Amino acid sequence: MNDKLSEVYSKDLKVAPDLYPYFIDVKHIDRLNGFRGFEFQITLEATSTVGPHIAVGEDLFTFEVKSGVGVKLVKFEHLKGPNKKDFPPNYQDLLK
């Protein structure tokens, strides 16, 4: 997740955003193969930050989780980017 966020926010920020577990919400979980299957699709909404937890954006990650195979990013949606008005004056130098 951090690598994808670094790539997406590189055009707006001079530093890579941070991602904390308490700023990640589970939005949706599906069991793909019915009642007894161990394949899941999980959608997470992440709020990334910089500095002292200044929110810079919101993103949706959809992962496929399969037993024995691991985790694969299936879909990524960038919902909201950084807004200059949300940055205090002493942190605006982080914006490009």
PDB file of N, CA and C in Angstrom:
ATOM      1  N   MET A   1       0.820  -1.178   0.000  1.00  0.00           N
ATOM      2  CA  MET A   1       0.000   0.000   0.000  1.00  0.00           C
ATOM      3  C   MET A   1       0.875   1.257   0.000  1.00  0.00           C
ATOM      4  N   ASN A   2       1.950   1.216   0.792  1.00  0.00           N
ATOM      5  CA  ASN A   2       2.840   2.379   0.854  1.00  0.00           C
ATOM      6  C   ASN A   2       3.479   2.673  -0.495  1.00  0.00           C
ATOM      7  N   ASP A   3       3.882   1.633  -1.221  1.00  0.00           N
ATOM      8  CA  ASP A   3       4.500   1.833  -2.533  1.00  0.00           C
ATOM      9  C   ASP A   3       3.525   2.481  -3.517  1.00  0.00           C
ATOM     10  N   LYS A   4       2.288   2.029  -3.515  1.00  0.00           N
ATOM     11  CA  LYS A   4       1.280   2.590  -4.411  1.00  0.00           C
ATOM     12  C   LYS A   4       0.996   4.049  -4.056  1.00  0.00           C
ATOM     13  N   LEU A   5       0.910   4.363  -2.764  1.00  0.00           N
ATOM     14  CA  LEU A   5       0.662   5.736  -2.336  1.00  0.00           C
ATOM     15  C   LEU A   5       1.830   6.647  -2.690  1.00  0.00           C
ATOM     16  N   SER A   6       3.051   6.161  -2.535  1.00  0.00           N
ATOM     17  CA  SER A   6       4.224   6.954  -2.910  1.00  0.00           C
ATOM     18  C   SER A   6       4.195   7.311  -4.381  1.00  0.00           C
ATOM     19  N   GLU A   7       3.810   6.344  -5.203  1.00  0.00           N
ATOM     20  CA  GLU A   7       3.730   6.555  -6.655  1.00  0.00           C
ATOM     21  C   GLU A   7       2.646   7.583  -6.997  1.00  0.00           C
ATOM     22  N   VAL A   8       1.470   7.444  -6.413  1.00  0.00           N
ATOM     23  CA  VAL A   8       0.330   8.309  -6.741  1.00  0.00           C
ATOM     24  C   VAL A   8       0.548   9.743  -6.259  1.00  0.00           C
ATOM     25  N   TYR A   9       1.107   9.904  -5.070  1.00  0.00           N
ATOM     26  CA  TYR A   9       1.256  11.244  -4.497  1.00  0.00           C
ATOM     27  C   TYR A   9       2.564  11.931  -4.877  1.00  0.00           C
ATOM     28  N   SER A  10       3.407  11.284  -5.654  1.00  0.00           N
ATOM     29  CA  SER A  10       4.694  11.884  -6.030  1.00  0.00           C
ATOM     30  C   SER A  10       4.518  13.145  -6.881  1.00  0.00           C
ATOM     31  N   LYS A  11       3.399  13.281  -7.593  1.00  0.00           N
ATOM     32  CA  LYS A  11       3.173  14.484  -8.408  1.00  0.00           C
ATOM     33  C   LYS A  11       2.703  15.669  -7.562  1.00  0.00           C
ATOM     34  N   ASP A  12       2.192  15.414  -6.342  1.00  0.00           N
ATOM     35  CA  ASP A  12       1.661  16.470  -5.492  1.00  0.00           C
ATOM     36  C   ASP A  12       2.536  16.799  -4.278  1.00  0.00           C
ATOM     37  N   LEU A  13       3.299  15.803  -3.813  1.00  0.00           N
ATOM     38  CA  LEU A  13       4.072  15.964  -2.578  1.00  0.00           C
ATOM     39  C   LEU A  13       5.563  15.754  -2.814  1.00  0.00           C
ATOM     40  N   LYS A  14       6.379  16.427  -2.021  1.00  0.00           N
ATOM     41  CA  LYS A  14       7.832  16.253  -2.092  1.00  0.00           C
ATOM     42  C   LYS A  14       8.284  15.049  -1.281  1.00  0.00           C
ATOM     43  N   VAL A  15       7.451  14.579  -0.363  1.00  0.00           N
ATOM     44  CA  VAL A  15       7.768  13.413   0.469  1.00  0.00           C
ATOM     45  C   VAL A  15       6.669  12.373   0.291  1.00  0.00           C
ATOM     46  N   ALA A  16       7.001  11.144   0.585  1.00  0.00           N
ATOM     47  CA  ALA A  16       6.002  10.076   0.508  1.00  0.00           C
ATOM     48  C   ALA A  16       5.065  10.186   1.716  1.00  0.00           C
ATOM     49  N   PRO A  17       3.767   9.971   1.512  1.00  0.00           N
ATOM     50  CA  PRO A  17       2.839  10.037   2.643  1.00  0.00           C
ATOM     51  C   PRO A  17       2.993   8.830   3.562  1.00  0.00           C
ATOM     52  N   ASP A  18       2.566   9.015   4.804  1.00  0.00           N
ATOM     53  CA  ASP A  18       2.574   7.935   5.787  1.00  0.00           C
ATOM     54  C   ASP A  18       1.190   7.313   5.846  1.00  0.00           C
ATOM     55  N   LEU A  19       1.145   6.044   6.215  1.00  0.00           N
ATOM     56  CA  LEU A  19      -0.120   5.331   6.338  1.00  0.00           C
ATOM     57  C   LEU A  19      -0.114   4.605   7.676  1.00  0.00           C
ATOM     58  N   TYR A  20      -1.078   4.917   8.507  1.00  0.00           N
ATOM     59  CA  TYR A  20      -1.177   4.316   9.836  1.00  0.00           C
ATOM     60  C   TYR A  20      -2.383   3.386   9.895  1.00  0.00           C
ATOM     61  N   PRO A  21      -2.278   2.269  10.634  1.00  0.00           N
ATOM     62  CA  PRO A  21      -3.383   1.304  10.699  1.00  0.00           C
ATOM     63  C   PRO A  21      -4.700   1.916  11.189  1.00  0.00           C
ATOM     64  N   TYR A  22      -4.632   2.902  12.070  1.00  0.00           N
ATOM     65  CA  TYR A  22      -5.859   3.488  12.597  1.00  0.00           C
ATOM     66  C   TYR A  22      -6.501   4.481  11.628  1.00  0.00           C
ATOM     67  N   PHE A  23      -5.882   4.721  10.461  1.00  0.00           N
ATOM     68  CA  PHE A  23      -6.488   5.520   9.407  1.00  0.00           C
ATOM     69  C   PHE A  23      -6.898   4.653   8.221  1.00  0.00           C
ATOM     70  N   ILE A  24      -7.082   3.355   8.459  1.00  0.00           N
ATOM     71  CA  ILE A  24      -7.542   2.422   7.425  1.00  0.00           C
ATOM     72  C   ILE A  24      -8.851   1.799   7.899  1.00  0.00           C
ATOM     73  N   ASP A  25      -9.886   1.910   7.073  1.00  0.00           N
ATOM     74  CA  ASP A  25     -11.196   1.348   7.398  1.00  0.00           C
ATOM     75  C   ASP A  25     -11.542   0.237   6.422  1.00  0.00           C
ATOM     76  N   VAL A  26     -12.112  -0.838   6.933  1.00  0.00           N
ATOM     77  CA  VAL A  26     -12.601  -1.922   6.094  1.00  0.00           C
ATOM     78  C   VAL A  26     -13.976  -1.507   5.579  1.00  0.00           C
ATOM     79  N   LYS A  27     -14.112  -1.391   4.265  1.00  0.00           N
ATOM     80  CA  LYS A  27     -15.369  -0.959   3.663  1.00  0.00           C
ATOM     81  C   LYS A  27     -16.246  -2.129   3.236  1.00  0.00           C
ATOM     82  N   HIS A  28     -15.624  -3.200   2.739  1.00  0.00           N
ATOM     83  CA  HIS A  28     -16.425  -4.312   2.218  1.00  0.00           C
ATOM     84  C   HIS A  28     -15.579  -5.579   2.167  1.00  0.00           C
ATOM     85  N   ILE A  29     -16.202  -6.707   2.499  1.00  0.00           N
ATOM     86  CA  ILE A  29     -15.553  -8.017   2.383  1.00  0.00           C
ATOM     87  C   ILE A  29     -16.518  -8.973   1.697  1.00  0.00           C
ATOM     88  N   ASP A  30     -16.027  -9.679   0.675  1.00  0.00           N
ATOM     89  CA  ASP A  30     -16.812 -10.705  -0.016  1.00  0.00           C
ATOM     90  C   ASP A  30     -16.078 -12.026   0.056  1.00  0.00           C
ATOM     91  N   ARG A  31     -16.819 -13.097   0.283  1.00  0.00           N
ATOM     92  CA  ARG A  31     -16.272 -14.448   0.172  1.00  0.00           C
ATOM     93  C   ARG A  31     -16.552 -14.893  -1.249  1.00  0.00           C
ATOM     94  N   LEU A  32     -15.497 -15.118  -2.051  1.00  0.00           N
ATOM     95  CA  LEU A  32     -15.658 -15.318  -3.489  1.00  0.00           C
ATOM     96  C   LEU A  32     -16.224 -16.675  -3.889  1.00  0.00           C
ATOM     97  N   ASN A  33     -15.906 -17.731  -3.154  1.00  0.00           N
ATOM     98  CA  ASN A  33     -16.335 -19.076  -3.575  1.00  0.00           C
ATOM     99  C   ASN A  33     -17.419 -19.659  -2.684  1.00  0.00           C
ATOM    100  N   GLY A  34     -18.244 -18.826  -2.147  1.00  0.00           N
ATOM    101  CA  GLY A  34     -19.353 -19.333  -1.366  1.00  0.00           C
ATOM    102  C   GLY A  34     -19.001 -19.670   0.068  1.00  0.00           C
ATOM    103  N   PHE A  35     -19.878 -20.439   0.683  1.00  0.00           N
ATOM    104  CA  PHE A  35     -19.845 -20.702   2.114  1.00  0.00           C
ATOM    105  C   PHE A  35     -18.533 -21.279   2.639  1.00  0.00           C
ATOM    106  N   ARG A  36     -17.936 -22.220   1.922  1.00  0.00           N
ATOM    107  CA  ARG A  36     -16.749 -22.898   2.430  1.00  0.00           C
ATOM    108  C   ARG A  36     -15.442 -22.448   1.789  1.00  0.00           C
ATOM    109  N   GLY A  37     -15.497 -21.433   0.980  1.00  0.00           N
ATOM    110  CA  GLY A  37     -14.286 -20.989   0.298  1.00  0.00           C
ATOM    111  C   GLY A  37     -13.392 -20.134   1.177  1.00  0.00           C
ATOM    112  N   PHE A  38     -12.120 -20.142   0.857  1.00  0.00           N
ATOM    113  CA  PHE A  38     -11.144 -19.326   1.576  1.00  0.00           C
ATOM    114  C   PHE A  38     -10.530 -18.279   0.648  1.00  0.00           C
ATOM    115  N   GLU A  39     -11.341 -17.772  -0.257  1.00  0.00           N
ATOM    116  CA  GLU A  39     -10.917 -16.691  -1.131  1.00  0.00           C
ATOM    117  C   GLU A  39     -11.796 -15.489  -0.830  1.00  0.00           C
ATOM    118  N   PHE A  40     -11.135 -14.370  -0.538  1.00  0.00           N
ATOM    119  CA  PHE A  40     -11.865 -13.174  -0.137  1.00  0.00           C
ATOM    120  C   PHE A  40     -11.456 -11.988  -1.002  1.00  0.00           C
ATOM    121  N   GLN A  41     -12.363 -11.039  -1.122  1.00  0.00           N
ATOM    122  CA  GLN A  41     -12.055  -9.758  -1.736  1.00  0.00           C
ATOM    123  C   GLN A  41     -12.363  -8.699  -0.677  1.00  0.00           C
ATOM    124  N   ILE A  42     -11.339  -7.930  -0.321  1.00  0.00           N
ATOM    125  CA  ILE A  42     -11.451  -6.966   0.765  1.00  0.00           C
ATOM    126  C   ILE A  42     -11.185  -5.567   0.217  1.00  0.00           C
ATOM    127  N   THR A  43     -12.090  -4.638   0.505  1.00  0.00           N
ATOM    128  CA  THR A  43     -11.924  -3.244   0.105  1.00  0.00           C
ATOM    129  C   THR A  43     -11.623  -2.406   1.337  1.00  0.00           C
ATOM    130  N   LEU A  44     -10.501  -1.681   1.274  1.00  0.00           N
ATOM    131  CA  LEU A  44     -10.050  -0.838   2.379  1.00  0.00           C
ATOM    132  C   LEU A  44     -10.025   0.613   1.942  1.00  0.00           C
ATOM    133  N   GLU A  45     -10.461   1.507   2.816  1.00  0.00           N
ATOM    134  CA  GLU A  45     -10.349   2.945   2.565  1.00  0.00           C
ATOM    135  C   GLU A  45      -9.229   3.472   3.450  1.00  0.00           C
ATOM    136  N   ALA A  46      -8.244   4.106   2.828  1.00  0.00           N
ATOM    137  CA  ALA A  46      -7.064   4.582   3.543  1.00  0.00           C
ATOM    138  C   ALA A  46      -6.965   6.098   3.461  1.00  0.00           C
ATOM    139  N   THR A  47      -6.645   6.717   4.599  1.00  0.00           N
ATOM    140  CA  THR A  47      -6.369   8.150   4.656  1.00  0.00           C
ATOM    141  C   THR A  47      -4.882   8.297   4.932  1.00  0.00           C
ATOM    142  N   SER A  48      -4.148   8.823   3.973  1.00  0.00           N
ATOM    143  CA  SER A  48      -2.707   8.988   4.137  1.00  0.00           C
ATOM    144  C   SER A  48      -2.418  10.367   4.721  1.00  0.00           C
ATOM    145  N   THR A  49      -1.281  10.483   5.408  1.00  0.00           N
ATOM    146  CA  THR A  49      -0.928  11.716   6.110  1.00  0.00           C
ATOM    147  C   THR A  49       0.528  12.084   5.874  1.00  0.00           C
ATOM    148  N   VAL A  50       0.865  13.314   6.211  1.00  0.00           N
ATOM    149  CA  VAL A  50       2.249  13.781   6.271  1.00  0.00           C
ATOM    150  C   VAL A  50       2.414  14.595   7.546  1.00  0.00           C
ATOM    151  N   GLY A  51       3.662  14.744   7.978  1.00  0.00           N
ATOM    152  CA  GLY A  51       3.929  15.556   9.163  1.00  0.00           C
ATOM    153  C   GLY A  51       3.134  15.079  10.364  1.00  0.00           C
ATOM    154  N   PRO A  52       2.579  16.029  11.140  1.00  0.00           N
ATOM    155  CA  PRO A  52       1.824  15.657  12.346  1.00  0.00           C
ATOM    156  C   PRO A  52       0.385  15.245  12.018  1.00  0.00           C
ATOM    157  N   HIS A  53       0.248  14.210  11.219  1.00  0.00           N
ATOM    158  CA  HIS A  53      -1.043  13.639  10.833  1.00  0.00           C
ATOM    159  C   HIS A  53      -1.930  14.611  10.057  1.00  0.00           C
ATOM    160  N   ILE A  54      -1.334  15.331   9.125  1.00  0.00           N
ATOM    161  CA  ILE A  54      -2.101  16.185   8.215  1.00  0.00           C
ATOM    162  C   ILE A  54      -2.604  15.285   7.088  1.00  0.00           C
ATOM    163  N   ALA A  55      -3.914  15.144   6.980  1.00  0.00           N
ATOM    164  CA  ALA A  55      -4.496  14.275   5.951  1.00  0.00           C
ATOM    165  C   ALA A  55      -4.211  14.844   4.561  1.00  0.00           C
ATOM    166  N   VAL A  56      -3.692  13.993   3.678  1.00  0.00           N
ATOM    167  CA  VAL A  56      -3.378  14.446   2.320  1.00  0.00           C
ATOM    168  C   VAL A  56      -4.269  13.808   1.261  1.00  0.00           C
ATOM    169  N   GLY A  57      -5.022  12.792   1.612  1.00  0.00           N
ATOM    170  CA  GLY A  57      -5.885  12.182   0.617  1.00  0.00           C
ATOM    171  C   GLY A  57      -6.582  10.946   1.108  1.00  0.00           C
ATOM    172  N   GLU A  58      -7.505  10.468   0.274  1.00  0.00           N
ATOM    173  CA  GLU A  58      -8.236   9.239   0.554  1.00  0.00           C
ATOM    174  C   GLU A  58      -8.166   8.339  -0.669  1.00  0.00           C
ATOM    175  N   ASP A  59      -8.000   7.056  -0.406  1.00  0.00           N
ATOM    176  CA  ASP A  59      -7.850   6.081  -1.480  1.00  0.00           C
ATOM    177  C   ASP A  59      -8.558   4.786  -1.115  1.00  0.00           C
ATOM    178  N   LEU A  60      -9.018   4.063  -2.125  1.00  0.00           N
ATOM    179  CA  LEU A  60      -9.622   2.738  -1.941  1.00  0.00           C
ATOM    180  C   LEU A  60      -8.707   1.680  -2.538  1.00  0.00           C
ATOM    181  N   PHE A  61      -8.440   0.652  -1.763  1.00  0.00           N
ATOM    182  CA  PHE A  61      -7.651  -0.496  -2.210  1.00  0.00           C
ATOM    183  C   PHE A  61      -8.554  -1.721  -2.161  1.00  0.00           C
ATOM    184  N   THR A  62      -8.577  -2.503  -3.233  1.00  0.00           N
ATOM    185  CA  THR A  62      -9.314  -3.767  -3.235  1.00  0.00           C
ATOM    186  C   THR A  62      -8.297  -4.885  -3.435  1.00  0.00           C
ATOM    187  N   PHE A  63      -8.264  -5.792  -2.467  1.00  0.00           N
ATOM    188  CA  PHE A  63      -7.317  -6.910  -2.480  1.00  0.00           C
ATOM    189  C   PHE A  63      -8.060  -8.219  -2.606  1.00  0.00           C
ATOM    190  N   GLU A  64      -7.416  -9.196  -3.267  1.00  0.00           N
ATOM    191  CA  GLU A  64      -7.874 -10.574  -3.274  1.00  0.00           C
ATOM    192  C   GLU A  64      -6.951 -11.354  -2.361  1.00  0.00           C
ATOM    193  N   VAL A  65      -7.556 -12.082  -1.432  1.00  0.00           N
ATOM    194  CA  VAL A  65      -6.792 -12.881  -0.483  1.00  0.00           C
ATOM    195  C   VAL A  65      -7.164 -14.338  -0.709  1.00  0.00           C
ATOM    196  N   LYS A  66      -6.161 -15.153  -1.042  1.00  0.00           N
ATOM    197  CA  LYS A  66      -6.381 -16.573  -1.300  1.00  0.00           C
ATOM    198  C   LYS A  66      -5.427 -17.386  -0.436  1.00  0.00           C
ATOM    199  N   SER A  67      -5.937 -18.495   0.101  1.00  0.00           N
ATOM    200  CA  SER A  67      -5.082 -19.352   0.918  1.00  0.00           C
ATOM    201  C   SER A  67      -4.015 -19.998   0.042  1.00  0.00           C
ATOM    202  N   GLY A  68      -2.806 -19.969   0.524  1.00  0.00           N
ATOM    203  CA  GLY A  68      -1.700 -20.575  -0.201  1.00  0.00           C
ATOM    204  C   GLY A  68      -1.093 -19.700  -1.278  1.00  0.00           C
ATOM    205  N   VAL A  69      -1.822 -18.727  -1.779  1.00  0.00           N
ATOM    206  CA  VAL A  69      -1.324 -17.874  -2.856  1.00  0.00           C
ATOM    207  C   VAL A  69      -0.881 -16.521  -2.313  1.00  0.00           C
ATOM    208  N   GLY A  70      -1.604 -15.988  -1.374  1.00  0.00           N
ATOM    209  CA  GLY A  70      -1.246 -14.704  -0.804  1.00  0.00           C
ATOM    210  C   GLY A  70      -2.242 -13.610  -1.115  1.00  0.00           C
ATOM    211  N   VAL A  71      -1.732 -12.387  -1.162  1.00  0.00           N
ATOM    212  CA  VAL A  71      -2.564 -11.201  -1.334  1.00  0.00           C
ATOM    213  C   VAL A  71      -2.183 -10.504  -2.629  1.00  0.00           C
ATOM    214  N   LYS A  72      -3.214 -10.074  -3.388  1.00  0.00           N
ATOM    215  CA  LYS A  72      -2.972  -9.408  -4.664  1.00  0.00           C
ATOM    216  C   LYS A  72      -3.846  -8.157  -4.739  1.00  0.00           C
ATOM    217  N   LEU A  73      -3.236  -7.029  -5.112  1.00  0.00           N
ATOM    218  CA  LEU A  73      -3.993  -5.799  -5.326  1.00  0.00           C
ATOM    219  C   LEU A  73      -4.756  -5.926  -6.637  1.00  0.00           C
ATOM    220  N   VAL A  74      -6.082  -5.843  -6.565  1.00  0.00           N
ATOM    221  CA  VAL A  74      -6.931  -6.011  -7.733  1.00  0.00           C
ATOM    222  C   VAL A  74      -7.342  -4.669  -8.315  1.00  0.00           C
ATOM    223  N   LYS A  75      -7.621  -3.699  -7.441  1.00  0.00           N
ATOM    224  CA  LYS A  75      -8.126  -2.414  -7.902  1.00  0.00           C
ATOM    225  C   LYS A  75      -7.670  -1.321  -6.949  1.00  0.00           C
ATOM    226  N   PHE A  76      -7.350  -0.155  -7.518  1.00  0.00           N
ATOM    227  CA  PHE A  76      -6.961   1.011  -6.737  1.00  0.00           C
ATOM    228  C   PHE A  76      -7.751   2.215  -7.242  1.00  0.00           C
ATOM    229  N   GLU A  77      -8.345   2.967  -6.329  1.00  0.00           N
ATOM    230  CA  GLU A  77      -9.071   4.191  -6.689  1.00  0.00           C
ATOM    231  C   GLU A  77      -8.552   5.345  -5.840  1.00  0.00           C
ATOM    232  N   HIS A  78      -8.139   6.405  -6.502  1.00  0.00           N
ATOM    233  CA  HIS A  78      -7.707   7.621  -5.814  1.00  0.00           C
ATOM    234  C   HIS A  78      -8.929   8.513  -5.684  1.00  0.00           C
ATOM    235  N   LEU A  79      -9.419   8.709  -4.452  1.00  0.00           N
ATOM    236  CA  LEU A  79     -10.662   9.449  -4.235  1.00  0.00           C
ATOM    237  C   LEU A  79     -10.441  10.942  -4.047  1.00  0.00           C
ATOM    238  N   LYS A  80      -9.389  11.301  -3.316  1.00  0.00           N
ATOM    239  CA  LYS A  80      -9.186  12.704  -2.959  1.00  0.00           C
ATOM    240  C   LYS A  80      -7.705  12.954  -2.764  1.00  0.00           C
ATOM    241  N   GLY A  81      -7.224  14.067  -3.301  1.00  0.00           N
ATOM    242  CA  GLY A  81      -5.818  14.420  -3.171  1.00  0.00           C
ATOM    243  C   GLY A  81      -5.607  15.542  -2.172  1.00  0.00           C
ATOM    244  N   PRO A  82      -4.355  15.969  -2.013  1.00  0.00           N
ATOM    245  CA  PRO A  82      -4.057  17.020  -1.039  1.00  0.00           C
ATOM    246  C   PRO A  82      -4.670  18.362  -1.423  1.00  0.00           C
ATOM    247  N   ASN A  83      -5.102  19.085  -0.416  1.00  0.00           N
ATOM    248  CA  ASN A  83      -5.674  20.413  -0.593  1.00  0.00           C
ATOM    249  C   ASN A  83      -4.782  21.411   0.148  1.00  0.00           C
ATOM    250  N   LYS A  84      -4.290  22.405  -0.559  1.00  0.00           N
ATOM    251  CA  LYS A  84      -3.351  23.370   0.021  1.00  0.00           C
ATOM    252  C   LYS A  84      -3.950  24.070   1.247  1.00  0.00           C
ATOM    253  N   LYS A  85      -5.258  24.271   1.272  1.00  0.00           N
ATOM    254  CA  LYS A  85      -5.902  24.945   2.406  1.00  0.00           C
ATOM    255  C   LYS A  85      -5.826  24.129   3.694  1.00  0.00           C
ATOM    256  N   ASP A  86      -5.664  22.806   3.585  1.00  0.00           N
ATOM    257  CA  ASP A  86      -5.611  21.945   4.764  1.00  0.00           C
ATOM    258  C   ASP A  86      -4.236  21.924   5.424  1.00  0.00           C
ATOM    259  N   PHE A  87      -3.228  22.486   4.754  1.00  0.00           N
ATOM    260  CA  PHE A  87      -1.868  22.465   5.273  1.00  0.00           C
ATOM    261  C   PHE A  87      -1.576  23.730   6.077  1.00  0.00           C
ATOM    262  N   PRO A  88      -1.047  23.594   7.294  1.00  0.00           N
ATOM    263  CA  PRO A  88      -0.607  24.776   8.032  1.00  0.00           C
ATOM    264  C   PRO A  88       0.524  25.463   7.263  1.00  0.00           C
ATOM    265  N   PRO A  89       0.730  26.765   7.471  1.00  0.00           N
ATOM    266  CA  PRO A  89       1.764  27.505   6.715  1.00  0.00           C
ATOM    267  C   PRO A  89       3.168  26.888   6.821  1.00  0.00           C
ATOM    268  N   ASN A  90       3.510  26.344   7.994  1.00  0.00           N
ATOM    269  CA  ASN A  90       4.847  25.784   8.162  1.00  0.00           C
ATOM    270  C   ASN A  90       5.016  24.394   7.554  1.00  0.00           C
ATOM    271  N   TYR A  91       3.962  23.835   6.941  1.00  0.00           N
ATOM    272  CA  TYR A  91       4.057  22.531   6.260  1.00  0.00           C
ATOM    273  C   TYR A  91       3.742  22.635   4.774  1.00  0.00           C
ATOM    274  N   GLN A  92       3.488  23.816   4.257  1.00  0.00           N
ATOM    275  CA  GLN A  92       3.165  23.956   2.834  1.00  0.00           C
ATOM    276  C   GLN A  92       4.359  23.706   1.945  1.00  0.00           C
ATOM    277  N   ASP A  93       5.571  23.688   2.507  1.00  0.00           N
ATOM    278  CA  ASP A  93       6.753  23.383   1.707  1.00  0.00           C
ATOM    279  C   ASP A  93       6.788  21.905   1.292  1.00  0.00           C
ATOM    280  N   LEU A  94       5.914  21.058   1.879  1.00  0.00           N
ATOM    281  CA  LEU A  94       5.831  19.646   1.483  1.00  0.00           C
ATOM    282  C   LEU A  94       5.080  19.457   0.163  1.00  0.00           C
ATOM    283  N   LEU A  95       4.333  20.486  -0.246  1.00  0.00           N
ATOM    284  CA  LEU A  95       3.590  20.434  -1.500  1.00  0.00           C
ATOM    285  C   LEU A  95       4.479  20.851  -2.676  1.00  0.00           C
ATOM    286  N   LYS A  96       4.227  20.282  -3.821  1.00  0.00           N
ATOM    287  CA  LYS A  96       4.954  20.681  -5.037  1.00  0.00           C
ATOM    288  C   LYS A  96       4.253  21.844  -5.679  1.00  0.00           C
TER     289      LYS A  96
END
